[in-house]
Structures are given as C-alpha cells and as structure tokens.
C-alpha cells in the first residue's frame, strides 16, 4: 500500500495472531492508517481478529486502535453475536449501515460468496452484527492504543496466549451486542 497510488473500494486484512512478531504490526494504528489511506472515499477496510488467546483488555486495545483510525465501524462476530470465536471489523471514513444488505444480496456473486459461510439472507448477516462505533466508543474508552512504538499487544499477549480467556471475551461482546440492540429499539 505504500508503493501504489491506487485506491481500493475494499481492503481485507486477515493476518495471523496479533502478538506474533512480524504480524503484530498489522494490528497497529500505523497499519490501520496505511489501510485507510489506500481506500476510496467510500471504501471499507475489513480486519479479522480472534477472541481466543487474548484478554479482554488486549481485545479492547485492538478495537480502540481500529476505532481511533476509522470514524465509522461495524463489528461482526462470525457465526453470530453470541457464538463464534472470531470478529470481523469493517471500518470506513463514511457512515456504515445494514440497510442495503438484502438489495446487495441480489447480486449473484455476493450471494454466492456469503453462502459459502452460511449467510443466506440479510437476517443471517444481521445475526452476526455486534455493534457500531456508537457502542464501541464507550466500551473501549481508556484502552491502550496499539502503536508501532509501544507494540502493546505484541508484548502483552504472549503471557495471555494460553489462558482460558474466550469466555470473558464472549461475555463482554454479548453485553456490547445487547446494548446495541437496545439502542436500535
């Protein structure tokens, strides 16, 4: 992304675990800024992150870092807001919403791609939704921003990597999703 002036409608980042040296930089403010700079005005940057082998504080750090760079964010939990062990973050410079999911799924290529992961309709997509930036901001307030200079996640997570942390992250996300549903009512 540093060597091209090309701008993209979508950039997808699915690196390995965020504490692995050489990969850890792909979860920093600087990397997210590089991604944002490679987007068209209405483009989206999609980031994968796992819930396992991260403390809730480390997860909050990554989410706060992402949110700092992207003013508009949607968080999805693979296999449903109360299930999966992975998150998909969608960030953009412009507001995001789920209003056109059904319309977009009319495109056969989109429908086929989403069907590969069990998303057959807009209701399925919405079942993965956790929250947007409005709920994420207070939930990540005070979290350490992960940067190339502090490498917070890379230096903190190795001591957390084999602890049973999935349940605490799940509980935290389920509360966040519940607040999001209340905000929609």
N, C-alpha and C. Protein backbone atom coordinates (compact mmCIF):
# COMPACT_ATOMS: atom_id res chain seq x y z
N UNK A 1 0.83 -1.19 0.00
CA UNK A 1 0.00 0.00 0.00
C UNK A 1 0.87 1.26 0.00
N UNK A 2 2.10 1.13 0.46
CA UNK A 2 2.99 2.29 0.46
C UNK A 2 3.52 2.62 -0.93
N UNK A 3 3.49 1.66 -1.84
CA UNK A 3 4.15 1.87 -3.13
C UNK A 3 3.17 2.09 -4.28
N UNK A 4 1.90 2.18 -3.99
CA UNK A 4 0.93 2.41 -5.06
C UNK A 4 0.01 3.58 -4.71
N UNK A 5 -0.38 4.29 -5.71
CA UNK A 5 -1.34 5.37 -5.52
C UNK A 5 -2.77 4.89 -5.77
N UNK A 6 -2.90 3.61 -6.15
CA UNK A 6 -4.21 3.03 -6.39
C UNK A 6 -5.04 3.07 -5.11
N UNK A 7 -6.31 3.39 -5.24
CA UNK A 7 -7.24 3.41 -4.11
C UNK A 7 -8.25 2.29 -4.33
N UNK A 8 -8.63 1.65 -3.26
CA UNK A 8 -9.48 0.47 -3.34
C UNK A 8 -10.83 0.70 -2.66
N UNK A 9 -11.85 0.03 -3.17
CA UNK A 9 -13.17 0.07 -2.53
C UNK A 9 -13.18 -0.79 -1.28
N UNK A 10 -12.33 -1.82 -1.26
CA UNK A 10 -12.26 -2.71 -0.10
C UNK A 10 -10.84 -3.25 0.04
N UNK A 11 -10.38 -3.24 1.27
CA UNK A 11 -9.12 -3.89 1.62
C UNK A 11 -9.46 -4.85 2.75
N UNK A 12 -9.02 -6.11 2.62
CA UNK A 12 -9.28 -7.13 3.63
C UNK A 12 -7.95 -7.57 4.22
N UNK A 13 -7.87 -7.53 5.54
CA UNK A 13 -6.66 -7.94 6.25
C UNK A 13 -7.01 -9.11 7.16
N UNK A 14 -6.38 -10.24 6.91
CA UNK A 14 -6.61 -11.42 7.74
C UNK A 14 -5.26 -12.03 8.14
N UNK A 15 -4.50 -11.27 8.94
CA UNK A 15 -3.21 -11.78 9.38
C UNK A 15 -3.37 -12.83 10.47
N UNK A 16 -2.27 -13.43 10.84
CA UNK A 16 -2.28 -14.40 11.93
C UNK A 16 -2.50 -13.67 13.25
N UNK A 17 -2.20 -14.33 14.33
CA UNK A 17 -2.42 -13.80 15.67
C UNK A 17 -1.70 -12.47 15.91
N UNK A 18 -2.33 -11.53 16.60
CA UNK A 18 -1.79 -10.18 16.72
C UNK A 18 -0.57 -10.04 17.64
N UNK A 19 -0.10 -11.08 18.25
CA UNK A 19 1.08 -10.98 19.09
C UNK A 19 2.32 -11.58 18.43
N UNK A 20 2.15 -12.18 17.28
CA UNK A 20 3.27 -12.83 16.59
C UNK A 20 4.18 -11.76 15.99
N UNK A 21 5.47 -11.76 16.35
CA UNK A 21 6.39 -10.78 15.75
C UNK A 21 6.34 -10.87 14.22
N UNK A 22 6.32 -9.73 13.59
CA UNK A 22 6.21 -9.68 12.14
C UNK A 22 4.76 -9.58 11.68
N UNK A 23 3.86 -10.04 12.50
CA UNK A 23 2.43 -9.94 12.22
C UNK A 23 1.81 -8.87 13.11
N UNK A 24 2.37 -8.70 14.28
CA UNK A 24 1.83 -7.77 15.27
C UNK A 24 1.64 -6.37 14.71
N UNK A 25 2.52 -5.95 13.79
CA UNK A 25 2.41 -4.61 13.21
C UNK A 25 1.15 -4.43 12.38
N UNK A 26 0.48 -5.53 12.03
CA UNK A 26 -0.74 -5.44 11.23
C UNK A 26 -1.98 -5.19 12.09
N UNK A 27 -1.76 -4.89 13.36
CA UNK A 27 -2.85 -4.54 14.28
C UNK A 27 -2.57 -3.21 14.97
N UNK A 28 -1.69 -2.40 14.38
CA UNK A 28 -1.32 -1.13 15.00
C UNK A 28 -2.03 0.04 14.35
N UNK A 29 -1.99 1.17 15.03
CA UNK A 29 -2.57 2.39 14.50
C UNK A 29 -1.95 2.74 13.14
N UNK A 30 -0.65 2.59 13.03
CA UNK A 30 0.03 2.95 11.79
C UNK A 30 -0.42 2.08 10.61
N UNK A 31 -0.60 0.78 10.86
CA UNK A 31 -1.06 -0.09 9.77
C UNK A 31 -2.49 0.25 9.38
N UNK A 32 -3.34 0.46 10.37
CA UNK A 32 -4.73 0.81 10.05
C UNK A 32 -4.77 2.14 9.28
N UNK A 33 -3.91 3.09 9.64
CA UNK A 33 -3.85 4.36 8.91
C UNK A 33 -3.39 4.14 7.47
N UNK A 34 -2.43 3.25 7.28
CA UNK A 34 -1.97 2.91 5.93
C UNK A 34 -3.14 2.33 5.12
N UNK A 35 -3.91 1.44 5.75
CA UNK A 35 -5.08 0.87 5.09
C UNK A 35 -6.11 1.93 4.76
N UNK A 36 -6.39 2.81 5.70
CA UNK A 36 -7.36 3.89 5.46
C UNK A 36 -6.91 4.76 4.28
N UNK A 37 -5.62 5.02 4.21
CA UNK A 37 -5.08 5.83 3.11
C UNK A 37 -5.20 5.16 1.76
N UNK A 38 -5.33 3.85 1.72
CA UNK A 38 -5.46 3.12 0.47
C UNK A 38 -6.88 2.96 -0.01
N UNK A 39 -7.82 3.54 0.71
CA UNK A 39 -9.24 3.40 0.36
C UNK A 39 -9.76 4.56 -0.48
N UNK A 40 -10.76 4.26 -1.30
CA UNK A 40 -11.52 5.33 -1.95
C UNK A 40 -12.30 6.05 -0.86
N UNK A 41 -12.92 7.16 -1.20
CA UNK A 41 -13.65 7.94 -0.19
C UNK A 41 -14.70 7.13 0.55
N UNK A 42 -15.36 6.20 -0.15
CA UNK A 42 -16.40 5.40 0.49
C UNK A 42 -15.96 3.95 0.72
N UNK A 43 -14.67 3.68 0.59
CA UNK A 43 -14.17 2.32 0.75
C UNK A 43 -14.23 1.81 2.17
N UNK A 44 -14.08 0.49 2.32
CA UNK A 44 -14.08 -0.14 3.64
C UNK A 44 -12.81 -0.96 3.84
N UNK A 45 -12.33 -0.95 5.06
CA UNK A 45 -11.18 -1.75 5.47
C UNK A 45 -11.73 -2.82 6.40
N UNK A 46 -11.51 -4.09 6.05
CA UNK A 46 -12.05 -5.21 6.81
C UNK A 46 -10.89 -5.89 7.53
N UNK A 47 -11.05 -6.10 8.83
CA UNK A 47 -9.99 -6.70 9.66
C UNK A 47 -10.54 -7.88 10.43
N UNK A 48 -9.83 -9.00 10.37
CA UNK A 48 -10.15 -10.18 11.17
C UNK A 48 -9.40 -10.08 12.49
N UNK A 49 -10.03 -10.57 13.55
CA UNK A 49 -9.35 -10.71 14.84
C UNK A 49 -10.01 -11.85 15.60
N UNK A 50 -9.22 -12.63 16.28
CA UNK A 50 -9.78 -13.74 17.05
C UNK A 50 -10.10 -13.29 18.48
N UNK A 51 -10.98 -14.02 19.12
CA UNK A 51 -11.36 -13.75 20.50
C UNK A 51 -10.58 -14.59 21.50
N UNK A 52 -10.05 -15.69 21.05
CA UNK A 52 -9.32 -16.61 21.92
C UNK A 52 -7.86 -16.15 22.05
N UNK A 53 -7.24 -16.52 23.12
CA UNK A 53 -5.84 -16.21 23.40
C UNK A 53 -5.56 -14.71 23.48
N UNK A 54 -6.57 -13.94 23.82
CA UNK A 54 -6.43 -12.51 24.07
C UNK A 54 -7.24 -12.19 25.31
N UNK A 55 -6.69 -11.38 26.19
CA UNK A 55 -7.50 -10.92 27.31
C UNK A 55 -8.50 -9.89 26.78
N UNK A 56 -9.51 -9.61 27.55
CA UNK A 56 -10.48 -8.59 27.15
C UNK A 56 -9.79 -7.24 27.02
N UNK A 57 -8.81 -6.96 27.87
CA UNK A 57 -8.08 -5.70 27.77
C UNK A 57 -7.29 -5.61 26.46
N UNK A 58 -6.67 -6.71 26.05
CA UNK A 58 -5.94 -6.71 24.77
C UNK A 58 -6.91 -6.58 23.60
N UNK A 59 -8.04 -7.25 23.67
CA UNK A 59 -9.06 -7.11 22.64
C UNK A 59 -9.55 -5.67 22.58
N UNK A 60 -9.81 -5.07 23.73
CA UNK A 60 -10.24 -3.67 23.79
C UNK A 60 -9.18 -2.76 23.17
N UNK A 61 -7.91 -3.07 23.39
CA UNK A 61 -6.83 -2.27 22.83
C UNK A 61 -6.87 -2.29 21.30
N UNK A 62 -7.03 -3.46 20.73
CA UNK A 62 -7.10 -3.56 19.26
C UNK A 62 -8.34 -2.84 18.73
N UNK A 63 -9.46 -3.05 19.39
CA UNK A 63 -10.70 -2.40 18.95
C UNK A 63 -10.61 -0.87 19.08
N UNK A 64 -10.01 -0.39 20.17
CA UNK A 64 -9.85 1.06 20.36
C UNK A 64 -8.92 1.63 19.30
N UNK A 65 -7.88 0.89 18.97
CA UNK A 65 -6.93 1.34 17.94
C UNK A 65 -7.63 1.43 16.59
N UNK A 66 -8.39 0.42 16.25
CA UNK A 66 -9.13 0.40 14.98
C UNK A 66 -10.11 1.56 14.93
N UNK A 67 -10.84 1.73 16.02
CA UNK A 67 -11.84 2.79 16.08
C UNK A 67 -11.20 4.18 16.02
N UNK A 68 -10.02 4.33 16.58
CA UNK A 68 -9.32 5.63 16.51
C UNK A 68 -9.04 6.02 15.06
N UNK A 69 -8.73 5.04 14.22
CA UNK A 69 -8.37 5.30 12.83
C UNK A 69 -9.60 5.41 11.93
N UNK A 70 -10.60 4.59 12.19
CA UNK A 70 -11.81 4.59 11.36
C UNK A 70 -12.96 5.20 12.14
N UNK A 71 -13.46 6.35 11.69
CA UNK A 71 -14.53 7.00 12.44
C UNK A 71 -15.84 6.21 12.42
N UNK A 72 -16.00 5.35 11.41
CA UNK A 72 -17.22 4.55 11.31
C UNK A 72 -16.83 3.07 11.29
N UNK A 73 -17.39 2.32 12.22
CA UNK A 73 -17.01 0.92 12.42
C UNK A 73 -18.25 0.07 12.63
N UNK A 74 -18.21 -1.13 12.09
CA UNK A 74 -19.20 -2.15 12.42
C UNK A 74 -18.42 -3.39 12.85
N UNK A 75 -18.90 -4.01 13.93
CA UNK A 75 -18.26 -5.21 14.45
C UNK A 75 -19.22 -6.38 14.25
N UNK A 76 -18.70 -7.46 13.67
CA UNK A 76 -19.47 -8.67 13.44
C UNK A 76 -18.74 -9.83 14.13
N UNK A 77 -19.52 -10.75 14.66
CA UNK A 77 -18.96 -11.95 15.27
C UNK A 77 -19.33 -13.14 14.40
N UNK A 78 -18.32 -13.79 13.86
CA UNK A 78 -18.52 -14.92 12.96
C UNK A 78 -19.37 -15.98 13.65
N UNK A 79 -20.41 -16.43 12.98
CA UNK A 79 -21.38 -17.42 13.45
C UNK A 79 -22.40 -16.88 14.43
N UNK A 80 -22.43 -15.58 14.62
CA UNK A 80 -23.48 -14.99 15.43
C UNK A 80 -22.96 -14.20 16.61
N UNK A 81 -23.73 -13.19 16.99
CA UNK A 81 -23.31 -12.27 18.05
C UNK A 81 -23.09 -12.96 19.38
N UNK A 82 -23.64 -14.15 19.58
CA UNK A 82 -23.46 -14.86 20.86
C UNK A 82 -22.71 -16.18 20.67
N UNK A 83 -22.01 -16.33 19.57
CA UNK A 83 -21.32 -17.59 19.30
C UNK A 83 -19.86 -17.36 19.00
N UNK A 84 -19.46 -17.57 17.80
CA UNK A 84 -18.13 -17.57 17.22
C UNK A 84 -16.94 -17.13 18.02
N UNK A 85 -15.79 -17.51 17.51
CA UNK A 85 -14.52 -17.20 18.17
C UNK A 85 -13.70 -16.18 17.39
N UNK A 86 -14.30 -15.57 16.38
CA UNK A 86 -13.62 -14.57 15.56
C UNK A 86 -14.51 -13.36 15.35
N UNK A 87 -13.85 -12.20 15.18
CA UNK A 87 -14.55 -10.97 14.85
C UNK A 87 -14.15 -10.52 13.46
N UNK A 88 -15.06 -9.83 12.81
CA UNK A 88 -14.78 -9.13 11.57
C UNK A 88 -15.11 -7.67 11.82
N UNK A 89 -14.12 -6.82 11.65
CA UNK A 89 -14.30 -5.38 11.81
C UNK A 89 -14.39 -4.76 10.43
N UNK A 90 -15.34 -3.86 10.25
CA UNK A 90 -15.49 -3.14 8.99
C UNK A 90 -15.38 -1.66 9.35
N UNK A 91 -14.39 -1.00 8.77
CA UNK A 91 -14.17 0.41 9.06
C UNK A 91 -14.21 1.25 7.80
N UNK A 92 -14.64 2.49 7.96
CA UNK A 92 -14.75 3.38 6.81
C UNK A 92 -14.65 4.83 7.25
N UNK A 93 -14.41 5.70 6.27
CA UNK A 93 -14.42 7.14 6.51
C UNK A 93 -15.85 7.67 6.51
N UNK A 94 -16.77 6.89 5.95
CA UNK A 94 -18.17 7.32 5.82
C UNK A 94 -19.07 6.42 6.66
N UNK A 95 -20.24 6.91 7.06
CA UNK A 95 -21.14 6.08 7.86
C UNK A 95 -21.48 4.76 7.19
N UNK A 96 -21.62 3.73 8.01
CA UNK A 96 -21.96 2.39 7.57
C UNK A 96 -23.31 2.00 8.16
N UNK A 97 -24.07 1.18 7.44
CA UNK A 97 -25.31 0.66 7.99
C UNK A 97 -25.66 -0.65 7.29
N UNK A 98 -26.65 -1.30 7.80
CA UNK A 98 -27.08 -2.60 7.25
C UNK A 98 -28.31 -2.48 6.36
N UNK A 99 -28.71 -1.26 6.03
CA UNK A 99 -29.97 -1.03 5.31
C UNK A 99 -30.05 -1.68 3.93
N UNK A 100 -28.92 -1.84 3.25
CA UNK A 100 -28.96 -2.32 1.87
C UNK A 100 -28.48 -3.76 1.72
N UNK A 101 -28.40 -4.50 2.81
CA UNK A 101 -27.92 -5.88 2.75
C UNK A 101 -28.79 -6.72 1.82
N UNK A 102 -30.10 -6.69 1.99
CA UNK A 102 -31.00 -7.51 1.16
C UNK A 102 -30.82 -7.17 -0.32
N UNK A 103 -30.73 -5.89 -0.62
CA UNK A 103 -30.53 -5.45 -2.00
C UNK A 103 -29.19 -5.97 -2.55
N UNK A 104 -28.14 -5.83 -1.77
CA UNK A 104 -26.81 -6.28 -2.21
C UNK A 104 -26.75 -7.78 -2.41
N UNK A 105 -27.54 -8.52 -1.65
CA UNK A 105 -27.53 -9.98 -1.77
C UNK A 105 -28.26 -10.44 -3.03
N UNK A 106 -28.89 -9.52 -3.75
CA UNK A 106 -29.50 -9.86 -5.03
C UNK A 106 -28.44 -10.08 -6.10
N UNK A 107 -27.23 -9.55 -5.87
CA UNK A 107 -26.13 -9.78 -6.80
C UNK A 107 -25.68 -11.23 -6.63
N UNK A 108 -25.72 -12.03 -7.70
CA UNK A 108 -25.38 -13.46 -7.59
C UNK A 108 -23.98 -13.72 -7.04
N UNK A 109 -23.01 -12.88 -7.38
CA UNK A 109 -21.65 -13.08 -6.86
C UNK A 109 -21.60 -12.83 -5.35
N UNK A 110 -22.28 -11.80 -4.90
CA UNK A 110 -22.32 -11.51 -3.47
C UNK A 110 -23.03 -12.63 -2.73
N UNK A 111 -24.18 -13.04 -3.26
CA UNK A 111 -24.94 -14.12 -2.62
C UNK A 111 -24.13 -15.40 -2.56
N UNK A 112 -23.42 -15.74 -3.62
CA UNK A 112 -22.61 -16.97 -3.64
C UNK A 112 -21.47 -16.89 -2.64
N UNK A 113 -20.82 -15.74 -2.55
CA UNK A 113 -19.70 -15.59 -1.61
C UNK A 113 -20.20 -15.70 -0.17
N UNK A 114 -21.31 -15.06 0.14
CA UNK A 114 -21.84 -15.11 1.51
C UNK A 114 -22.39 -16.50 1.84
N UNK A 115 -22.94 -17.18 0.85
CA UNK A 115 -23.47 -18.53 1.07
C UNK A 115 -22.36 -19.49 1.51
N UNK A 116 -21.14 -19.25 1.05
CA UNK A 116 -20.00 -20.11 1.42
C UNK A 116 -19.76 -20.12 2.93
N UNK A 117 -20.18 -19.07 3.62
CA UNK A 117 -20.02 -19.02 5.07
C UNK A 117 -21.36 -19.10 5.79
N UNK A 118 -22.38 -19.56 5.08
CA UNK A 118 -23.68 -19.81 5.70
C UNK A 118 -24.58 -18.59 5.83
N UNK A 119 -24.25 -17.51 5.16
CA UNK A 119 -25.09 -16.31 5.21
C UNK A 119 -25.97 -16.31 3.96
N UNK A 120 -27.22 -16.74 4.14
CA UNK A 120 -28.12 -16.94 3.01
C UNK A 120 -29.03 -15.75 2.74
N UNK A 121 -29.16 -14.84 3.72
CA UNK A 121 -30.06 -13.70 3.55
C UNK A 121 -29.64 -12.58 4.50
N UNK A 122 -30.34 -11.46 4.43
CA UNK A 122 -29.98 -10.31 5.26
C UNK A 122 -30.15 -10.60 6.75
N UNK A 123 -31.09 -11.44 7.11
CA UNK A 123 -31.29 -11.80 8.52
C UNK A 123 -30.07 -12.54 9.04
N UNK A 124 -29.50 -13.42 8.23
CA UNK A 124 -28.28 -14.13 8.64
C UNK A 124 -27.13 -13.15 8.86
N UNK A 125 -26.97 -12.20 7.95
CA UNK A 125 -25.90 -11.20 8.10
C UNK A 125 -26.12 -10.40 9.38
N UNK A 126 -27.33 -9.97 9.60
CA UNK A 126 -27.64 -9.17 10.80
C UNK A 126 -27.45 -9.96 12.09
N UNK A 127 -27.56 -11.29 12.01
CA UNK A 127 -27.36 -12.11 13.22
C UNK A 127 -25.90 -12.11 13.67
N UNK A 128 -24.98 -11.75 12.79
CA UNK A 128 -23.56 -11.67 13.14
C UNK A 128 -23.21 -10.29 13.72
N UNK A 129 -24.07 -9.31 13.55
CA UNK A 129 -23.79 -7.93 13.96
C UNK A 129 -23.69 -7.81 15.47
N UNK A 130 -22.65 -7.14 15.93
CA UNK A 130 -22.46 -6.88 17.36
C UNK A 130 -22.77 -5.42 17.67
N UNK A 131 -22.08 -4.49 17.00
CA UNK A 131 -22.29 -3.07 17.31
C UNK A 131 -21.62 -2.20 16.26
N UNK A 132 -21.81 -0.90 16.42
CA UNK A 132 -21.11 0.07 15.57
C UNK A 132 -20.30 0.99 16.48
N UNK A 133 -19.78 2.07 15.90
CA UNK A 133 -18.89 2.96 16.65
C UNK A 133 -19.57 3.62 17.86
N UNK A 134 -20.89 3.77 17.80
CA UNK A 134 -21.59 4.42 18.92
C UNK A 134 -21.49 3.59 20.20
N UNK A 135 -21.60 2.29 20.09
CA UNK A 135 -21.47 1.42 21.26
C UNK A 135 -20.01 1.08 21.54
N UNK A 136 -19.20 1.04 20.49
CA UNK A 136 -17.80 0.66 20.66
C UNK A 136 -17.01 1.74 21.39
N UNK A 137 -17.32 3.01 21.15
CA UNK A 137 -16.57 4.11 21.77
C UNK A 137 -16.55 4.02 23.30
N UNK A 138 -17.70 3.95 23.96
CA UNK A 138 -17.64 3.87 25.43
C UNK A 138 -17.07 2.54 25.93
N UNK A 139 -17.26 1.48 25.15
CA UNK A 139 -16.77 0.16 25.57
C UNK A 139 -15.25 0.05 25.50
N UNK A 140 -14.62 0.89 24.69
CA UNK A 140 -13.16 0.84 24.56
C UNK A 140 -12.48 2.07 25.16
N UNK A 141 -13.26 2.96 25.77
CA UNK A 141 -12.68 4.17 26.36
C UNK A 141 -11.60 3.80 27.37
N UNK A 142 -10.47 4.47 27.26
CA UNK A 142 -9.36 4.25 28.19
C UNK A 142 -8.44 3.10 27.81
N UNK A 143 -8.78 2.35 26.77
CA UNK A 143 -7.91 1.24 26.35
C UNK A 143 -6.63 1.79 25.73
N UNK A 144 -5.55 1.04 25.86
CA UNK A 144 -4.27 1.44 25.30
C UNK A 144 -4.34 1.35 23.77
N UNK A 145 -3.91 2.40 23.10
CA UNK A 145 -3.84 2.38 21.65
C UNK A 145 -2.56 1.63 21.27
N UNK A 146 -2.69 0.63 20.42
CA UNK A 146 -1.59 -0.23 19.99
C UNK A 146 -0.85 0.45 18.84
N UNK A 147 0.43 0.80 19.05
CA UNK A 147 1.19 1.51 18.02
C UNK A 147 2.48 0.78 17.70
N UNK A 148 3.11 1.19 16.61
CA UNK A 148 4.42 0.64 16.27
C UNK A 148 5.45 0.95 17.35
N UNK A 149 5.28 2.06 18.04
CA UNK A 149 6.24 2.44 19.08
C UNK A 149 6.07 1.66 20.38
N UNK A 150 4.83 1.37 20.78
CA UNK A 150 4.65 0.66 22.05
C UNK A 150 4.43 -0.84 21.88
N UNK A 151 3.99 -1.28 20.71
CA UNK A 151 3.74 -2.70 20.43
C UNK A 151 3.05 -3.37 21.63
N UNK A 152 2.06 -2.67 22.16
CA UNK A 152 1.35 -3.12 23.36
C UNK A 152 0.85 -4.56 23.26
N UNK A 153 0.17 -4.88 22.19
CA UNK A 153 -0.40 -6.22 22.07
C UNK A 153 0.69 -7.27 21.91
N UNK A 154 1.69 -6.98 21.09
CA UNK A 154 2.77 -7.95 20.89
C UNK A 154 3.50 -8.27 22.20
N UNK A 155 3.65 -7.27 23.05
CA UNK A 155 4.40 -7.50 24.29
C UNK A 155 3.54 -7.98 25.45
N UNK A 156 2.24 -7.77 25.38
CA UNK A 156 1.34 -8.17 26.47
C UNK A 156 0.74 -9.56 26.26
N UNK A 157 0.33 -9.86 25.07
CA UNK A 157 -0.46 -11.06 24.82
C UNK A 157 0.29 -12.38 24.99
N UNK A 158 1.59 -12.47 24.73
CA UNK A 158 2.23 -13.79 24.92
C UNK A 158 2.00 -14.38 26.32
N UNK A 159 1.88 -13.55 27.32
CA UNK A 159 1.61 -14.08 28.67
C UNK A 159 0.15 -14.47 28.84
N UNK A 160 -0.71 -14.08 27.91
CA UNK A 160 -2.14 -14.39 27.97
C UNK A 160 -2.52 -15.55 27.03
N UNK A 161 -1.63 -15.88 26.10
CA UNK A 161 -1.97 -16.71 24.96
C UNK A 161 -2.59 -18.06 25.30
N UNK A 162 -2.23 -18.65 26.41
CA UNK A 162 -2.75 -19.99 26.68
C UNK A 162 -3.65 -20.03 27.92
N UNK A 163 -4.16 -18.86 28.28
CA UNK A 163 -5.12 -18.78 29.37
C UNK A 163 -6.52 -18.97 28.80
N UNK A 164 -7.45 -19.47 29.61
CA UNK A 164 -8.84 -19.66 29.13
C UNK A 164 -9.60 -18.32 29.13
N UNK A 165 -9.42 -17.55 28.07
CA UNK A 165 -9.96 -16.19 28.02
C UNK A 165 -11.19 -16.05 27.12
N UNK A 166 -11.51 -17.08 26.39
CA UNK A 166 -12.61 -17.00 25.43
C UNK A 166 -13.93 -16.61 26.10
N UNK A 167 -14.22 -17.19 27.25
CA UNK A 167 -15.49 -16.92 27.91
C UNK A 167 -15.61 -15.47 28.37
N UNK A 168 -14.53 -14.89 28.89
CA UNK A 168 -14.62 -13.49 29.32
C UNK A 168 -14.82 -12.57 28.12
N UNK A 169 -14.16 -12.86 27.01
CA UNK A 169 -14.38 -12.06 25.80
C UNK A 169 -15.79 -12.24 25.27
N UNK A 170 -16.28 -13.46 25.31
CA UNK A 170 -17.65 -13.72 24.85
C UNK A 170 -18.65 -12.94 25.69
N UNK A 171 -18.48 -12.97 26.99
CA UNK A 171 -19.40 -12.23 27.88
C UNK A 171 -19.36 -10.74 27.59
N UNK A 172 -18.17 -10.20 27.41
CA UNK A 172 -18.01 -8.78 27.13
C UNK A 172 -18.70 -8.42 25.81
N UNK A 173 -18.50 -9.23 24.78
CA UNK A 173 -19.13 -8.97 23.48
C UNK A 173 -20.64 -9.12 23.52
N UNK A 174 -21.13 -10.10 24.26
CA UNK A 174 -22.57 -10.30 24.36
C UNK A 174 -23.23 -9.10 25.04
N UNK A 175 -22.58 -8.53 26.03
CA UNK A 175 -23.11 -7.32 26.67
C UNK A 175 -23.11 -6.16 25.69
N UNK A 176 -22.04 -6.05 24.91
CA UNK A 176 -21.95 -5.00 23.91
C UNK A 176 -23.05 -5.15 22.86
N UNK A 177 -23.28 -6.37 22.40
CA UNK A 177 -24.35 -6.64 21.42
C UNK A 177 -25.72 -6.32 22.01
N UNK A 178 -25.93 -6.65 23.28
CA UNK A 178 -27.22 -6.38 23.93
C UNK A 178 -27.46 -4.87 24.00
N UNK A 179 -26.42 -4.09 24.31
CA UNK A 179 -26.56 -2.62 24.35
C UNK A 179 -26.88 -2.09 22.96
N UNK A 180 -26.29 -2.69 21.95
CA UNK A 180 -26.54 -2.28 20.58
C UNK A 180 -28.01 -2.52 20.21
N UNK A 181 -28.54 -3.68 20.60
CA UNK A 181 -29.95 -4.00 20.30
C UNK A 181 -30.89 -3.03 21.02
N UNK A 182 -30.54 -2.65 22.24
CA UNK A 182 -31.37 -1.71 23.00
C UNK A 182 -31.34 -0.35 22.30
N UNK A 183 -30.15 0.05 21.80
CA UNK A 183 -30.02 1.33 21.11
C UNK A 183 -30.80 1.41 19.82
N UNK A 184 -31.09 0.24 19.20
CA UNK A 184 -31.85 0.21 17.94
C UNK A 184 -33.35 0.33 18.19
N UNK A 185 -33.79 -0.02 19.39
CA UNK A 185 -35.23 -0.04 19.69
C UNK A 185 -35.81 1.34 19.75
